[in-house]
Amino acid sequence: MVAVLQLGNNKLSGSIPTQLGSLKKLSVLALQYNQLMGAIPASLGDLERLTRLDLSFNNLFGSVPARLANAPMLKVLDIRNNTLSGSVPQALKRPNAGFQYENNPALCCTGFSNIKECTESRKTVTDRPEW
């Protein structure tokens, strides 16, 4: 049983495996400060016990999966310093949550204080799939 997976600052490369979404007891997934590329797997939203997801300081691209909002216990989501784009799902706006989105120039949302407002041209991302 894996409850905490902290692999930050390990020079990991490649994409985040979608199979991590099957680790049902996982409460912390920390992959910050690596060289990970690709999209954020939507399967991470299936982790019912996930409280902290730190994917900051990588080379992730594409949109923020709407399924992340399905993780009911998620209190910390850090996706700073990637190349994410499109609109952050409104369902991820939760009171008192430690969500950090900064330094993703093409990322937007309506009603978040630390991210730019969406315009029609930024709302959708068609060149990269949501995995």
Protein backbone atom coordinates (compact mmCIF):
# COMPACT_ATOMS: atom_id res chain seq x y z
CA MET A 1 0.00 0.00 0.00
CA VAL A 2 1.46 3.34 -1.09
CA ALA A 3 0.06 6.38 0.71
CA VAL A 4 2.82 8.94 0.04
CA LEU A 5 4.91 9.13 -3.11
CA GLN A 6 7.50 11.90 -2.92
CA LEU A 7 9.86 11.90 -5.88
CA GLY A 8 10.64 15.59 -6.10
CA ASN A 9 14.01 16.82 -7.32
CA ASN A 10 15.08 13.48 -8.81
CA LYS A 11 15.68 14.45 -12.45
CA LEU A 12 12.79 12.23 -13.53
CA SER A 13 11.89 12.56 -17.20
CA GLY A 14 9.14 11.32 -19.49
CA SER A 15 5.44 11.54 -18.84
CA ILE A 16 3.47 10.98 -15.64
CA PRO A 17 2.12 7.40 -15.79
CA THR A 18 -1.67 7.24 -15.97
CA GLN A 19 -1.46 4.13 -13.79
CA LEU A 20 -0.78 6.34 -10.75
CA GLY A 21 -4.53 6.95 -10.78
CA SER A 22 -5.04 3.34 -9.67
CA LEU A 23 -3.12 3.81 -6.38
CA LYS A 24 -6.35 4.23 -4.44
CA LYS A 25 -4.72 4.84 -1.03
CA LEU A 26 -2.40 7.56 -2.33
CA SER A 27 -2.77 10.77 -0.32
CA VAL A 28 0.35 12.68 -1.43
CA LEU A 29 1.90 12.74 -4.89
CA ALA A 30 4.90 15.07 -5.05
CA LEU A 31 6.76 15.16 -8.37
CA GLN A 32 8.04 18.73 -8.25
CA TYR A 33 11.39 19.90 -9.66
CA ASN A 34 11.83 17.14 -12.22
CA GLN A 35 11.91 17.13 -16.01
CA LEU A 36 8.50 15.58 -16.58
CA MET A 37 6.76 16.33 -19.88
CA GLY A 38 3.33 15.74 -21.31
CA ALA A 39 -0.16 16.19 -20.00
CA ILE A 40 -1.42 15.83 -16.44
CA PRO A 41 -3.18 12.44 -16.39
CA ALA A 42 -6.91 12.82 -15.82
CA SER A 43 -6.76 9.54 -13.87
CA LEU A 44 -5.25 11.43 -10.92
CA GLY A 45 -8.75 12.77 -10.30
CA ASP A 46 -9.81 9.22 -9.40
CA LEU A 47 -7.68 9.29 -6.23
CA GLU A 48 -10.29 9.70 -3.50
CA ARG A 49 -7.72 10.13 -0.70
CA LEU A 50 -5.41 12.52 -2.52
CA THR A 51 -4.83 15.61 -0.37
CA ARG A 52 -1.68 17.03 -2.00
CA LEU A 53 -0.62 17.04 -5.65
CA ASP A 54 2.60 18.89 -6.45
CA LEU A 55 3.60 18.91 -10.12
CA SER A 56 5.38 22.26 -10.03
CA PHE A 57 8.61 23.10 -11.85
CA ASN A 58 8.34 20.55 -14.66
CA ASN A 59 7.65 20.80 -18.40
CA LEU A 60 4.01 19.74 -18.35
CA PHE A 61 1.75 21.03 -21.13
CA GLY A 62 -1.89 20.89 -22.16
CA SER A 63 -4.92 21.67 -20.07
CA VAL A 64 -5.71 21.01 -16.42
CA PRO A 65 -7.97 17.93 -16.45
CA ALA A 66 -11.50 18.59 -15.22
CA ARG A 67 -11.40 15.19 -13.49
CA LEU A 68 -8.95 16.56 -10.91
CA ALA A 69 -11.97 18.17 -9.29
CA ASN A 70 -13.26 14.64 -8.57
CA ALA A 71 -10.58 14.19 -5.89
CA PRO A 72 -12.72 15.26 -2.89
CA MET A 73 -9.88 15.52 -0.35
CA LEU A 74 -7.55 17.61 -2.53
CA LYS A 75 -6.33 20.57 -0.48
CA VAL A 76 -3.03 21.43 -2.19
CA LEU A 77 -2.58 21.56 -5.97
CA ASP A 78 0.69 23.09 -7.12
CA ILE A 79 1.18 23.29 -10.88
CA ARG A 80 3.38 26.40 -10.97
CA ASN A 81 6.12 26.82 -13.54
CA ASN A 82 4.97 24.52 -16.32
CA THR A 83 3.61 25.33 -19.79
CA LEU A 84 -0.02 24.48 -19.10
CA SER A 85 -2.71 26.21 -21.13
CA GLY A 86 -6.45 26.63 -21.41
CA SER A 87 -9.00 27.21 -18.71
CA VAL A 88 -8.68 25.90 -15.14
CA PRO A 89 -11.89 24.01 -14.32
CA GLN A 90 -14.18 26.10 -12.10
CA ALA A 91 -14.77 23.05 -9.89
CA LEU A 92 -11.16 23.38 -8.68
CA LYS A 93 -11.97 26.70 -7.03
CA ARG A 94 -12.40 25.68 -3.41
CA PRO A 95 -12.34 27.87 -0.33
CA ASN A 96 -9.17 27.66 1.76
CA ALA A 97 -7.46 25.40 -0.74
CA GLY A 98 -3.77 25.87 -1.45
CA PHE A 99 -3.96 25.90 -5.21
CA GLN A 100 -1.04 27.50 -7.03
CA TYR A 101 -1.08 28.06 -10.79
CA GLU A 102 1.48 30.84 -11.38
CA ASN A 103 3.95 31.00 -14.28
CA ASN A 104 1.83 29.13 -16.80
CA PRO A 105 1.41 32.04 -19.26
CA ALA A 106 -1.34 30.40 -21.34
CA LEU A 107 -3.43 29.28 -18.35
CA CYS A 108 -6.56 31.22 -17.41
CA CYS A 109 -9.71 31.04 -15.33
CA THR A 110 -12.64 33.13 -14.25
CA GLY A 111 -12.81 34.07 -10.59
CA PHE A 112 -9.33 33.02 -9.43
CA SER A 113 -7.30 35.84 -7.93
CA ASN A 114 -3.83 34.67 -8.94
CA ILE A 115 -4.48 33.80 -12.58
CA LYS A 116 -5.52 35.83 -15.59
CA GLU A 117 -9.08 35.96 -16.79
CA CYS A 118 -10.00 33.81 -19.75
CA THR A 119 -10.73 35.23 -23.16
CA GLU A 120 -12.37 33.20 -25.90
CA SER A 121 -9.01 32.42 -27.52
CA ARG A 122 -7.57 30.93 -24.29
CA LYS A 123 -10.51 28.81 -23.14
CA THR A 124 -9.81 25.76 -25.26
CA VAL A 125 -6.72 23.86 -26.14
CA THR A 126 -7.04 21.78 -29.29
CA ASP A 127 -3.47 20.79 -30.00
CA ARG A 128 -2.83 18.55 -26.98
CA PRO A 129 -5.06 15.75 -25.62
CA GLU A 130 -6.23 15.33 -22.03
CA TRP A 131 -4.95 11.92 -20.91
